[in-house]
Amino acid sequence: MTVTLARLQSVPEQIEEAPPSGHTRRKEPRFAASFEARLENARGDAADVLLAEVSLHGCRVQCAESWIRTGSFISIGIADAAKLQAIVRWVRDDSVGMEFLRAIPDERTEWHDLMDASY
């Protein structure tokens, strides 16, 4: 059996220009916060952390727990309310960025109150 392979052609690489100063890739606003929260994973590891920023789709916390790794699934809660499920997107120094698996629902008023307070 004979197969003819397509010939690959060189395409000039396109270089993207840097976004204008102050522009980010985020489509929604982030709100500064300073509020205690609790992280937990499925193995039972838990930590009290400081919630530093929050948006409808994610948050940043300050903590230095060694069990928190990029790509891991965790739950995060504030006060005594039910926790939100999230995935850790990045860990840098004592900061952890996470994306919620679902946007914060309207009925989760404790989270919306944090964003409205905008410390």
PDB file of N, CA and C in Angstrom:
ATOM      1  N   MET A   1       0.843  -1.172   0.000  1.00  0.00           N
ATOM      2  CA  MET A   1       0.000   0.000   0.000  1.00  0.00           C
ATOM      3  C   MET A   1       0.888   1.236   0.000  1.00  0.00           C
ATOM      4  N   THR A   2       0.594   2.138  -0.881  1.00  0.00           N
ATOM      5  CA  THR A   2       1.362   3.367  -0.998  1.00  0.00           C
ATOM      6  C   THR A   2       0.498   4.537  -0.561  1.00  0.00           C
ATOM      7  N   VAL A   3       1.060   5.386   0.292  1.00  0.00           N
ATOM      8  CA  VAL A   3       0.325   6.539   0.791  1.00  0.00           C
ATOM      9  C   VAL A   3       1.114   7.785   0.443  1.00  0.00           C
ATOM     10  N   THR A   4       0.455   8.768  -0.115  1.00  0.00           N
ATOM     11  CA  THR A   4       1.092  10.031  -0.437  1.00  0.00           C
ATOM     12  C   THR A   4       0.936  10.971   0.749  1.00  0.00           C
ATOM     13  N   LEU A   5       2.046  11.480   1.222  1.00  0.00           N
ATOM     14  CA  LEU A   5       2.015  12.410   2.347  1.00  0.00           C
ATOM     15  C   LEU A   5       1.968  13.841   1.841  1.00  0.00           C
ATOM     16  N   ALA A   6       1.184  14.628   2.530  1.00  0.00           N
ATOM     17  CA  ALA A   6       1.104  16.043   2.166  1.00  0.00           C
ATOM     18  C   ALA A   6       2.422  16.714   2.494  1.00  0.00           C
ATOM     19  N   ARG A   7       2.806  17.656   1.694  1.00  0.00           N
ATOM     20  CA  ARG A   7       4.042  18.385   1.924  1.00  0.00           C
ATOM     21  C   ARG A   7       3.762  19.570   2.836  1.00  0.00           C
ATOM     22  N   LEU A   8       4.499  19.661   3.922  1.00  0.00           N
ATOM     23  CA  LEU A   8       4.335  20.760   4.857  1.00  0.00           C
ATOM     24  C   LEU A   8       5.057  21.984   4.341  1.00  0.00           C
ATOM     25  N   GLN A   9       4.416  23.109   4.461  1.00  0.00           N
ATOM     26  CA  GLN A   9       5.027  24.357   4.030  1.00  0.00           C
ATOM     27  C   GLN A   9       5.325  25.216   5.234  1.00  0.00           C
ATOM     28  N   SER A  10       6.378  25.944   5.146  1.00  0.00           N
ATOM     29  CA  SER A  10       6.761  26.842   6.224  1.00  0.00           C
ATOM     30  C   SER A  10       5.846  28.063   6.220  1.00  0.00           C
ATOM     31  N   VAL A  11       5.320  28.381   7.392  1.00  0.00           N
ATOM     32  CA  VAL A  11       4.461  29.548   7.539  1.00  0.00           C
ATOM     33  C   VAL A  11       5.175  30.516   8.469  1.00  0.00           C
ATOM     34  N   PRO A  12       5.294  31.778   8.079  1.00  0.00           N
ATOM     35  CA  PRO A  12       5.973  32.728   8.950  1.00  0.00           C
ATOM     36  C   PRO A  12       5.267  32.833  10.300  1.00  0.00           C
ATOM     37  N   GLU A  13       6.058  32.855  11.339  1.00  0.00           N
ATOM     38  CA  GLU A  13       5.518  32.938  12.695  1.00  0.00           C
ATOM     39  C   GLU A  13       4.966  34.329  12.943  1.00  0.00           C
ATOM     40  N   GLN A  14       3.746  34.373  13.479  1.00  0.00           N
ATOM     41  CA  GLN A  14       3.143  35.653  13.801  1.00  0.00           C
ATOM     42  C   GLN A  14       3.447  35.982  15.248  1.00  0.00           C
ATOM     43  N   ILE A  15       3.901  37.178  15.471  1.00  0.00           N
ATOM     44  CA  ILE A  15       4.228  37.617  16.815  1.00  0.00           C
ATOM     45  C   ILE A  15       3.113  38.524  17.296  1.00  0.00           C
ATOM     46  N   GLU A  16       2.547  38.125  18.447  1.00  0.00           N
ATOM     47  CA  GLU A  16       1.475  38.942  19.005  1.00  0.00           C
ATOM     48  C   GLU A  16       2.072  40.126  19.743  1.00  0.00           C
ATOM     49  N   GLU A  17       1.436  41.260  19.547  1.00  0.00           N
ATOM     50  CA  GLU A  17       1.883  42.440  20.265  1.00  0.00           C
ATOM     51  C   GLU A  17       1.395  42.376  21.698  1.00  0.00           C
ATOM     52  N   ALA A  18       2.154  42.970  22.586  1.00  0.00           N
ATOM     53  CA  ALA A  18       1.749  43.008  23.991  1.00  0.00           C
ATOM     54  C   ALA A  18       0.491  43.857  24.121  1.00  0.00           C
ATOM     55  N   PRO A  19      -0.410  43.461  25.048  1.00  0.00           N
ATOM     56  CA  PRO A  19      -1.622  44.266  25.230  1.00  0.00           C
ATOM     57  C   PRO A  19      -1.280  45.642  25.751  1.00  0.00           C
ATOM     58  N   PRO A  20      -2.146  46.615  25.534  1.00  0.00           N
ATOM     59  CA  PRO A  20      -1.886  47.965  26.033  1.00  0.00           C
ATOM     60  C   PRO A  20      -1.672  47.947  27.543  1.00  0.00           C
ATOM     61  N   SER A  21      -0.927  48.896  28.030  1.00  0.00           N
ATOM     62  CA  SER A  21      -0.624  48.975  29.453  1.00  0.00           C
ATOM     63  C   SER A  21      -1.900  48.960  30.275  1.00  0.00           C
ATOM     64  N   GLY A  22      -1.895  48.130  31.332  1.00  0.00           N
ATOM     65  CA  GLY A  22      -3.049  48.044  32.209  1.00  0.00           C
ATOM     66  C   GLY A  22      -4.111  47.070  31.740  1.00  0.00           C
ATOM     67  N   HIS A  23      -3.954  46.523  30.545  1.00  0.00           N
ATOM     68  CA  HIS A  23      -4.936  45.591  30.007  1.00  0.00           C
ATOM     69  C   HIS A  23      -4.600  44.170  30.460  1.00  0.00           C
ATOM     70  N   THR A  24      -5.613  43.421  30.874  1.00  0.00           N
ATOM     71  CA  THR A  24      -5.406  42.026  31.242  1.00  0.00           C
ATOM     72  C   THR A  24      -6.313  41.149  30.396  1.00  0.00           C
ATOM     73  N   ARG A  25      -6.094  39.843  30.480  1.00  0.00           N
ATOM     74  CA  ARG A  25      -6.909  38.902  29.726  1.00  0.00           C
ATOM     75  C   ARG A  25      -8.241  38.649  30.411  1.00  0.00           C
ATOM     76  N   ARG A  26      -8.402  39.098  31.611  1.00  0.00           N
ATOM     77  CA  ARG A  26      -9.608  38.816  32.384  1.00  0.00           C
ATOM     78  C   ARG A  26     -10.822  39.516  31.774  1.00  0.00           C
ATOM     79  N   LYS A  27     -11.933  38.791  31.767  1.00  0.00           N
ATOM     80  CA  LYS A  27     -13.158  39.331  31.198  1.00  0.00           C
ATOM     81  C   LYS A  27     -14.069  39.896  32.271  1.00  0.00           C
ATOM     82  N   GLU A  28     -13.708  39.722  33.504  1.00  0.00           N
ATOM     83  CA  GLU A  28     -14.553  40.188  34.596  1.00  0.00           C
ATOM     84  C   GLU A  28     -13.690  40.857  35.658  1.00  0.00           C
ATOM     85  N   PRO A  29     -14.277  41.720  36.430  1.00  0.00           N
ATOM     86  CA  PRO A  29     -13.489  42.412  37.460  1.00  0.00           C
ATOM     87  C   PRO A  29     -13.131  41.499  38.627  1.00  0.00           C
ATOM     88  N   ARG A  30     -11.978  41.774  39.220  1.00  0.00           N
ATOM     89  CA  ARG A  30     -11.569  41.110  40.451  1.00  0.00           C
ATOM     90  C   ARG A  30     -11.730  42.120  41.569  1.00  0.00           C
ATOM     91  N   PHE A  31     -12.083  41.619  42.732  1.00  0.00           N
ATOM     92  CA  PHE A  31     -12.304  42.487  43.875  1.00  0.00           C
ATOM     93  C   PHE A  31     -11.341  42.116  44.989  1.00  0.00           C
ATOM     94  N   ALA A  32     -10.682  43.128  45.540  1.00  0.00           N
ATOM     95  CA  ALA A  32      -9.785  42.901  46.664  1.00  0.00           C
ATOM     96  C   ALA A  32     -10.611  42.478  47.866  1.00  0.00           C
ATOM     97  N   ALA A  33     -10.044  41.587  48.651  1.00  0.00           N
ATOM     98  CA  ALA A  33     -10.724  41.107  49.851  1.00  0.00           C
ATOM     99  C   ALA A  33      -9.688  40.888  50.936  1.00  0.00           C
ATOM    100  N   SER A  34     -10.146  40.779  52.121  1.00  0.00           N
ATOM    101  CA  SER A  34      -9.299  40.422  53.252  1.00  0.00           C
ATOM    102  C   SER A  34     -10.201  39.693  54.224  1.00  0.00           C
ATOM    103  N   PHE A  35     -10.368  38.393  53.946  1.00  0.00           N
ATOM    104  CA  PHE A  35     -11.367  37.622  54.666  1.00  0.00           C
ATOM    105  C   PHE A  35     -10.848  36.208  54.882  1.00  0.00           C
ATOM    106  N   GLU A  36     -11.144  35.638  56.035  1.00  0.00           N
ATOM    107  CA  GLU A  36     -10.706  34.275  56.318  1.00  0.00           C
ATOM    108  C   GLU A  36     -11.553  33.279  55.547  1.00  0.00           C
ATOM    109  N   ALA A  37     -10.893  32.245  55.048  1.00  0.00           N
ATOM    110  CA  ALA A  37     -11.574  31.180  54.317  1.00  0.00           C
ATOM    111  C   ALA A  37     -10.945  29.843  54.722  1.00  0.00           C
ATOM    112  N   ARG A  38     -11.583  28.773  54.314  1.00  0.00           N
ATOM    113  CA  ARG A  38     -11.076  27.440  54.637  1.00  0.00           C
ATOM    114  C   ARG A  38     -10.993  26.619  53.365  1.00  0.00           C
ATOM    115  N   LEU A  39      -9.805  26.030  53.137  1.00  0.00           N
ATOM    116  CA  LEU A  39      -9.590  25.143  51.995  1.00  0.00           C
ATOM    117  C   LEU A  39      -9.583  23.704  52.485  1.00  0.00           C
ATOM    118  N   GLU A  40     -10.094  22.802  51.658  1.00  0.00           N
ATOM    119  CA  GLU A  40     -10.051  21.370  51.951  1.00  0.00           C
ATOM    120  C   GLU A  40      -9.893  20.606  50.653  1.00  0.00           C
ATOM    121  N   ASN A  41      -9.263  19.428  50.744  1.00  0.00           N
ATOM    122  CA  ASN A  41      -9.205  18.551  49.583  1.00  0.00           C
ATOM    123  C   ASN A  41      -9.861  17.219  49.926  1.00  0.00           C
ATOM    124  N   ALA A  42      -9.957  16.339  48.958  1.00  0.00           N
ATOM    125  CA  ALA A  42     -10.646  15.066  49.150  1.00  0.00           C
ATOM    126  C   ALA A  42      -9.911  14.140  50.110  1.00  0.00           C
ATOM    127  N   ARG A  43      -8.620  14.339  50.317  1.00  0.00           N
ATOM    128  CA  ARG A  43      -7.844  13.481  51.233  1.00  0.00           C
ATOM    129  C   ARG A  43      -7.993  13.922  52.680  1.00  0.00           C
ATOM    130  N   GLY A  44      -8.683  15.016  52.905  1.00  0.00           N
ATOM    131  CA  GLY A  44      -8.880  15.484  54.265  1.00  0.00           C
ATOM    132  C   GLY A  44      -7.913  16.555  54.714  1.00  0.00           C
ATOM    133  N   ASP A  45      -7.002  16.977  53.836  1.00  0.00           N
ATOM    134  CA  ASP A  45      -6.111  18.087  54.177  1.00  0.00           C
ATOM    135  C   ASP A  45      -6.947  19.355  54.238  1.00  0.00           C
ATOM    136  N   ALA A  46      -6.647  20.211  55.196  1.00  0.00           N
ATOM    137  CA  ALA A  46      -7.415  21.456  55.351  1.00  0.00           C
ATOM    138  C   ALA A  46      -6.480  22.566  55.818  1.00  0.00           C
ATOM    139  N   ALA A  47      -6.853  23.802  55.499  1.00  0.00           N
ATOM    140  CA  ALA A  47      -6.051  24.956  55.908  1.00  0.00           C
ATOM    141  C   ALA A  47      -6.931  26.188  56.002  1.00  0.00           C
ATOM    142  N   ASP A  48      -6.666  27.000  57.005  1.00  0.00           N
ATOM    143  CA  ASP A  48      -7.282  28.318  57.101  1.00  0.00           C
ATOM    144  C   ASP A  48      -6.403  29.264  56.306  1.00  0.00           C
ATOM    145  N   VAL A  49      -7.014  30.046  55.415  1.00  0.00           N
ATOM    146  CA  VAL A  49      -6.271  30.918  54.505  1.00  0.00           C
ATOM    147  C   VAL A  49      -6.879  32.310  54.532  1.00  0.00           C
ATOM    148  N   LEU A  50      -6.181  33.249  53.928  1.00  0.00           N
ATOM    149  CA  LEU A  50      -6.689  34.606  53.775  1.00  0.00           C
ATOM    150  C   LEU A  50      -7.118  34.795  52.328  1.00  0.00           C
ATOM    151  N   LEU A  51      -8.394  35.060  52.116  1.00  0.00           N
ATOM    152  CA  LEU A  51      -8.917  35.340  50.794  1.00  0.00           C
ATOM    153  C   LEU A  51      -8.481  36.751  50.419  1.00  0.00           C
ATOM    154  N   ALA A  52      -7.699  36.877  49.338  1.00  0.00           N
ATOM    155  CA  ALA A  52      -7.122  38.166  48.968  1.00  0.00           C
ATOM    156  C   ALA A  52      -7.831  38.838  47.793  1.00  0.00           C
ATOM    157  N   GLU A  53      -8.347  38.048  46.867  1.00  0.00           N
ATOM    158  CA  GLU A  53      -9.075  38.573  45.709  1.00  0.00           C
ATOM    159  C   GLU A  53     -10.173  37.588  45.351  1.00  0.00           C
ATOM    160  N   VAL A  54     -11.257  38.102  44.790  1.00  0.00           N
ATOM    161  CA  VAL A  54     -12.354  37.229  44.380  1.00  0.00           C
ATOM    162  C   VAL A  54     -13.038  37.812  43.147  1.00  0.00           C
ATOM    163  N   SER A  55     -13.508  36.914  42.280  1.00  0.00           N
ATOM    164  CA  SER A  55     -14.323  37.286  41.126  1.00  0.00           C
ATOM    165  C   SER A  55     -15.395  36.221  40.992  1.00  0.00           C
ATOM    166  N   LEU A  56     -16.286  36.365  40.038  1.00  0.00           N
ATOM    167  CA  LEU A  56     -17.348  35.383  39.862  1.00  0.00           C
ATOM    168  C   LEU A  56     -16.821  33.995  39.526  1.00  0.00           C
ATOM    169  N   HIS A  57     -15.630  33.925  38.924  1.00  0.00           N
ATOM    170  CA  HIS A  57     -15.119  32.639  38.446  1.00  0.00           C
ATOM    171  C   HIS A  57     -13.861  32.163  39.141  1.00  0.00           C
ATOM    172  N   GLY A  58     -13.384  32.867  40.155  1.00  0.00           N
ATOM    173  CA  GLY A  58     -12.176  32.399  40.821  1.00  0.00           C
ATOM    174  C   GLY A  58     -11.756  33.302  41.948  1.00  0.00           C
ATOM    175  N   CYS A  59     -10.635  32.942  42.552  1.00  0.00           N
ATOM    176  CA  CYS A  59     -10.129  33.745  43.660  1.00  0.00           C
ATOM    177  C   CYS A  59      -8.632  33.503  43.845  1.00  0.00           C
ATOM    178  N   ARG A  60      -8.058  34.353  44.669  1.00  0.00           N
ATOM    179  CA  ARG A  60      -6.653  34.201  45.070  1.00  0.00           C
ATOM    180  C   ARG A  60      -6.625  34.216  46.588  1.00  0.00           C
ATOM    181  N   VAL A  61      -5.887  33.267  47.157  1.00  0.00           N
ATOM    182  CA  VAL A  61      -5.740  33.208  48.605  1.00  0.00           C
ATOM    183  C   VAL A  61      -4.263  33.270  48.955  1.00  0.00           C
ATOM    184  N   GLN A  62      -3.996  33.643  50.190  1.00  0.00           N
ATOM    185  CA  GLN A  62      -2.628  33.647  50.690  1.00  0.00           C
ATOM    186  C   GLN A  62      -2.488  32.515  51.690  1.00  0.00           C
ATOM    187  N   CYS A  63      -1.545  31.638  51.422  1.00  0.00           N
ATOM    188  CA  CYS A  63      -1.244  30.527  52.321  1.00  0.00           C
ATOM    189  C   CYS A  63       0.064  29.885  51.871  1.00  0.00           C
ATOM    190  N   ALA A  64       0.616  29.050  52.717  1.00  0.00           N
ATOM    191  CA  ALA A  64       1.888  28.394  52.394  1.00  0.00           C
ATOM    192  C   ALA A  64       1.800  26.900  52.694  1.00  0.00           C
ATOM    193  N   GLU A  65       0.709  26.271  52.314  1.00  0.00           N
ATOM    194  CA  GLU A  65       0.517  24.846  52.561  1.00  0.00           C
ATOM    195  C   GLU A  65       1.185  24.039  51.450  1.00  0.00           C
ATOM    196  N   SER A  66       1.975  23.049  51.817  1.00  0.00           N
ATOM    197  CA  SER A  66       2.705  22.259  50.824  1.00  0.00           C
ATOM    198  C   SER A  66       1.811  21.280  50.067  1.00  0.00           C
ATOM    199  N   TRP A  67       0.642  20.954  50.589  1.00  0.00           N
ATOM    200  CA  TRP A  67      -0.238  19.998  49.917  1.00  0.00           C
ATOM    201  C   TRP A  67      -1.042  20.630  48.774  1.00  0.00           C
ATOM    202  N   ILE A  68      -1.020  21.945  48.658  1.00  0.00           N
ATOM    203  CA  ILE A  68      -1.758  22.618  47.584  1.00  0.00           C
ATOM    204  C   ILE A  68      -0.884  22.651  46.339  1.00  0.00           C
ATOM    205  N   ARG A  69      -1.365  21.999  45.290  1.00  0.00           N
ATOM    206  CA  ARG A  69      -0.594  21.899  44.058  1.00  0.00           C
ATOM    207  C   ARG A  69      -1.441  22.314  42.852  1.00  0.00           C
ATOM    208  N   THR A  70      -0.776  22.842  41.844  1.00  0.00           N
ATOM    209  CA  THR A  70      -1.442  23.209  40.603  1.00  0.00           C
ATOM    210  C   THR A  70      -2.160  21.990  40.024  1.00  0.00           C
ATOM    211  N   GLY A  71      -3.402  22.177  39.632  1.00  0.00           N
ATOM    212  CA  GLY A  71      -4.176  21.098  39.040  1.00  0.00           C
ATOM    213  C   GLY A  71      -5.012  20.307  40.032  1.00  0.00           C
ATOM    214  N   SER A  72      -4.810  20.545  41.316  1.00  0.00           N
ATOM    215  CA  SER A  72      -5.586  19.784  42.301  1.00  0.00           C
ATOM    216  C   SER A  72      -6.956  20.415  42.510  1.00  0.00           C
ATOM    217  N   PHE A  73      -7.909  19.567  42.851  1.00  0.00           N
ATOM    218  CA  PHE A  73      -9.268  20.023  43.127  1.00  0.00           C
ATOM    219  C   PHE A  73      -9.416  20.254  44.622  1.00  0.00           C
ATOM    220  N   ILE A  74     -10.019  21.369  44.958  1.00  0.00           N
ATOM    221  CA  ILE A  74     -10.215  21.714  46.366  1.00  0.00           C
ATOM    222  C   ILE A  74     -11.594  22.324  46.540  1.00  0.00           C
ATOM    223  N   SER A  75     -11.978  22.483  47.784  1.00  0.00           N
ATOM    224  CA  SER A  75     -13.196  23.232  48.086  1.00  0.00           C
ATOM    225  C   SER A  75     -12.779  24.390  48.971  1.00  0.00           C
ATOM    226  N   ILE A  76     -13.485  25.501  48.809  1.00  0.00           N
ATOM    227  CA  ILE A  76     -13.179  26.696  49.585  1.00  0.00           C
ATOM    228  C   ILE A  76     -14.486  27.238  50.147  1.00  0.00           C
ATOM    229  N   GLY A  77     -14.440  27.606  51.407  1.00  0.00           N
ATOM    230  CA  GLY A  77     -15.628  28.123  52.039  1.00  0.00           C
ATOM    231  C   GLY A  77     -15.334  29.326  52.907  1.00  0.00           C
ATOM    232  N   ILE A  78     -16.336  30.152  53.086  1.00  0.00           N
ATOM    233  CA  ILE A  78     -16.236  31.277  54.008  1.00  0.00           C
ATOM    234  C   ILE A  78     -17.405  31.172  54.971  1.00  0.00           C
ATOM    235  N   ALA A  79     -17.177  31.621  56.182  1.00  0.00           N
ATOM    236  CA  ALA A  79     -18.181  31.526  57.244  1.00  0.00           C
ATOM    237  C   ALA A  79     -18.595  30.060  57.389  1.00  0.00           C
ATOM    238  N   ASP A  80     -19.854  29.831  57.698  1.00  0.00           N
ATOM    239  CA  ASP A  80     -20.341  28.458  57.870  1.00  0.00           C
ATOM    240  C   ASP A  80     -21.122  27.972  56.660  1.00  0.00           C
ATOM    241  N   ALA A  81     -21.037  28.694  55.566  1.00  0.00           N
ATOM    242  CA  ALA A  81     -21.794  28.350  54.362  1.00  0.00           C
ATOM    243  C   ALA A  81     -21.141  27.173  53.631  1.00  0.00           C
ATOM    244  N   ALA A  82     -21.900  26.570  52.725  1.00  0.00           N
ATOM    245  CA  ALA A  82     -21.393  25.475  51.908  1.00  0.00           C
ATOM    246  C   ALA A  82     -20.189  25.945  51.095  1.00  0.00           C
ATOM    247  N   LYS A  83     -19.300  25.026  50.813  1.00  0.00           N
ATOM    248  CA  LYS A  83     -18.067  25.351  50.092  1.00  0.00           C
ATOM    249  C   LYS A  83     -18.291  25.349  48.575  1.00  0.00           C
ATOM    250  N   LEU A  84     -17.449  26.120  47.894  1.00  0.00           N
ATOM    251  CA  LEU A  84     -17.418  26.117  46.437  1.00  0.00           C
ATOM    252  C   LEU A  84     -16.309  25.178  45.985  1.00  0.00           C
ATOM    253  N   GLN A  85     -16.525  24.485  44.891  1.00  0.00           N
ATOM    254  CA  GLN A  85     -15.522  23.587  44.323  1.00  0.00           C
ATOM    255  C   GLN A  85     -14.648  24.375  43.348  1.00  0.00           C
ATOM    256  N   ALA A  86     -13.341  24.093  43.374  1.00  0.00           N
ATOM    257  CA  ALA A  86     -12.408  24.846  42.532  1.00  0.00           C
ATOM    258  C   ALA A  86     -11.241  23.956  42.111  1.00  0.00           C
ATOM    259  N   ILE A  87     -10.515  24.424  41.118  1.00  0.00           N
ATOM    260  CA  ILE A  87      -9.271  23.789  40.700  1.00  0.00           C
ATOM    261  C   ILE A  87      -8.151  24.806  40.880  1.00  0.00           C
ATOM    262  N   VAL A  88      -7.030  24.358  41.402  1.00  0.00           N
ATOM    263  CA  VAL A  88      -5.887  25.243  41.605  1.00  0.00           C
ATOM    264  C   VAL A  88      -5.228  25.468  40.247  1.00  0.00           C
ATOM    265  N   ARG A  89      -5.146  26.715  39.820  1.00  0.00           N
ATOM    266  CA  ARG A  89      -4.552  27.057  38.532  1.00  0.00           C
ATOM    267  C   ARG A  89      -3.076  27.423  38.635  1.00  0.00           C
ATOM    268  N   TRP A  90      -2.673  28.003  39.770  1.00  0.00           N
ATOM    269  CA  TRP A  90      -1.265  28.360  39.948  1.00  0.00           C
ATOM    270  C   TRP A  90      -0.951  28.498  41.433  1.00  0.00           C
ATOM    271  N   VAL A  91       0.332  28.277  41.747  1.00  0.00           N
ATOM    272  CA  VAL A  91       0.851  28.464  43.101  1.00  0.00           C
ATOM    273  C   VAL A  91       2.158  29.229  42.952  1.00  0.00           C
ATOM    274  N   ARG A  92       2.253  30.380  43.607  1.00  0.00           N
ATOM    275  CA  ARG A  92       3.478  31.204  43.565  1.00  0.00           C
ATOM    276  C   ARG A  92       3.748  31.737  44.956  1.00  0.00           C
ATOM    277  N   ASP A  93       4.923  31.431  45.469  1.00  0.00           N
ATOM    278  CA  ASP A  93       5.308  31.883  46.807  1.00  0.00           C
ATOM    279  C   ASP A  93       4.194  31.525  47.794  1.00  0.00           C
ATOM    280  N   ASP A  94       3.598  32.518  48.425  1.00  0.00           N
ATOM    281  CA  ASP A  94       2.532  32.261  49.399  1.00  0.00           C
ATOM    282  C   ASP A  94       1.149  32.604  48.842  1.00  0.00           C
ATOM    283  N   SER A  95       0.993  32.581  47.522  1.00  0.00           N
ATOM    284  CA  SER A  95      -0.295  32.874  46.896  1.00  0.00           C
ATOM    285  C   SER A  95      -0.751  31.685  46.058  1.00  0.00           C
ATOM    286  N   VAL A  96      -2.053  31.481  46.043  1.00  0.00           N
ATOM    287  CA  VAL A  96      -2.651  30.395  45.266  1.00  0.00           C
ATOM    288  C   VAL A  96      -3.826  30.969  44.483  1.00  0.00           C
ATOM    289  N   GLY A  97      -3.830  30.749  43.174  1.00  0.00           N
ATOM    290  CA  GLY A  97      -4.933  31.176  42.331  1.00  0.00           C
ATOM    291  C   GLY A  97      -5.783  29.985  41.957  1.00  0.00           C
ATOM    292  N   MET A  98      -7.077  30.132  42.068  1.00  0.00           N
ATOM    293  CA  MET A  98      -7.955  29.022  41.728  1.00  0.00           C
ATOM    294  C   MET A  98      -9.145  29.491  40.916  1.00  0.00           C
ATOM    295  N   GLU A  99      -9.657  28.570  40.120  1.00  0.00           N
ATOM    296  CA  GLU A  99     -10.834  28.826  39.295  1.00  0.00           C
ATOM    297  C   GLU A  99     -11.973  27.975  39.833  1.00  0.00           C
ATOM    298  N   PHE A 100     -13.116  28.596  40.070  1.00  0.00           N
ATOM    299  CA  PHE A 100     -14.279  27.844  40.525  1.00  0.00           C
ATOM    300  C   PHE A 100     -14.771  26.951  39.387  1.00  0.00           C
ATOM    301  N   LEU A 101     -15.262  25.770  39.736  1.00  0.00           N
ATOM    302  CA  LEU A 101     -15.780  24.866  38.705  1.00  0.00           C
ATOM    303  C   LEU A 101     -17.056  25.414  38.087  1.00  0.00           C
ATOM    304  N   ARG A 102     -17.789  26.201  38.854  1.00  0.00           N
ATOM    305  CA  ARG A 102     -18.974  26.900  38.356  1.00  0.00           C
ATOM    306  C   ARG A 102     -18.934  28.321  38.903  1.00  0.00           C
ATOM    307  N   ALA A 103     -19.460  29.249  38.152  1.00  0.00           N
ATOM    308  CA  ALA A 103     -19.515  30.639  38.626  1.00  0.00           C
ATOM    309  C   ALA A 103     -20.281  30.687  39.944  1.00  0.00           C
ATOM    310  N   ILE A 104     -19.954  31.663  40.767  1.00  0.00           N
ATOM    311  CA  ILE A 104     -20.640  31.795  42.053  1.00  0.00           C
ATOM    312  C   ILE A 104     -22.128  32.028  41.795  1.00  0.00           C
ATOM    313  N   PRO A 105     -22.992  31.142  42.303  1.00  0.00           N
ATOM    314  CA  PRO A 105     -24.425  31.316  42.085  1.00  0.00           C
ATOM    315  C   PRO A 105     -24.957  32.557  42.799  1.00  0.00           C
ATOM    316  N   ASP A 106     -26.043  33.114  42.291  1.00  0.00           N
ATOM    317  CA  ASP A 106     -26.645  34.303  42.884  1.00  0.00           C
ATOM    318  C   ASP A 106     -27.044  34.094  44.339  1.00  0.00           C
ATOM    319  N   GLU A 107     -27.468  32.882  44.682  1.00  0.00           N
ATOM    320  CA  GLU A 107     -27.923  32.623  46.043  1.00  0.00           C
ATOM    321  C   GLU A 107     -26.787  32.534  47.061  1.00  0.00           C
ATOM    322  N   ARG A 108     -25.546  32.513  46.600  1.00  0.00           N
ATOM    323  CA  ARG A 108     -24.400  32.478  47.515  1.00  0.00           C
ATOM    324  C   ARG A 108     -24.061  33.911  47.914  1.00  0.00           C
ATOM    325  N   THR A 109     -24.931  34.504  48.702  1.00  0.00           N
ATOM    326  CA  THR A 109     -24.841  35.921  49.053  1.00  0.00           C
ATOM    327  C   THR A 109     -23.577  36.265  49.825  1.00  0.00           C
ATOM    328  N   GLU A 110     -23.035  35.324  50.588  1.00  0.00           N
ATOM    329  CA  GLU A 110     -21.817  35.628  51.346  1.00  0.00           C
ATOM    330  C   GLU A 110     -20.656  35.981  50.410  1.00  0.00           C
ATOM    331  N   TRP A 111     -20.577  35.320  49.248  1.00  0.00           N
ATOM    332  CA  TRP A 111     -19.531  35.632  48.269  1.00  0.00           C
ATOM    333  C   TRP A 111     -19.830  36.950  47.558  1.00  0.00           C
ATOM    334  N   HIS A 112     -21.070  37.160  47.192  1.00  0.00           N
ATOM    335  CA  HIS A 112     -21.440  38.404  46.514  1.00  0.00           C
ATOM    336  C   HIS A 112     -21.277  39.602  47.430  1.00  0.00           C
ATOM    337  N   ASP A 113     -21.550  39.406  48.717  1.00  0.00           N
ATOM    338  CA  ASP A 113     -21.335  40.489  49.681  1.00  0.00           C
ATOM    339  C   ASP A 113     -19.855  40.885  49.735  1.00  0.00           C
ATOM    340  N   LEU A 114     -18.970  39.882  49.639  1.00  0.00           N
ATOM    341  CA  LEU A 114     -17.531  40.174  49.623  1.00  0.00           C
ATOM    342  C   LEU A 114     -17.165  41.043  48.420  1.00  0.00           C
ATOM    343  N   MET A 115     -17.707  40.683  47.257  1.00  0.00           N
ATOM    344  CA  MET A 115     -17.394  41.446  46.049  1.00  0.00           C
ATOM    345  C   MET A 115     -18.000  42.842  46.122  1.00  0.00           C
ATOM    346  N   ASP A 116     -19.176  42.967  46.694  1.00  0.00           N
ATOM    347  CA  ASP A 116     -19.816  44.278  46.823  1.00  0.00           C
ATOM    348  C   ASP A 116     -19.086  45.178  47.803  1.00  0.00           C
ATOM    349  N   ALA A 117     -18.486  44.565  48.843  1.00  0.00           N
ATOM    350  CA  ALA A 117     -17.766  45.351  49.846  1.00  0.00           C
ATOM    351  C   ALA A 117     -16.496  45.955  49.259  1.00  0.00           C
ATOM    352  N   SER A 118     -15.856  45.234  48.340  1.00  0.00           N
ATOM    353  CA  SER A 118     -14.650  45.691  47.625  1.00  0.00           C
ATOM    354  C   SER A 118     -13.689  46.456  48.521  1.00  0.00           C
ATOM    355  N   TYR A 119     -13.011  45.722  49.358  1.00  0.00           N
ATOM    356  CA  TYR A 119     -12.070  46.274  50.350  1.00  0.00           C
ATOM    357  C   TYR A 119     -11.073  47.201  49.735  1.00  0.00           C
TER     358      TYR A 119
END
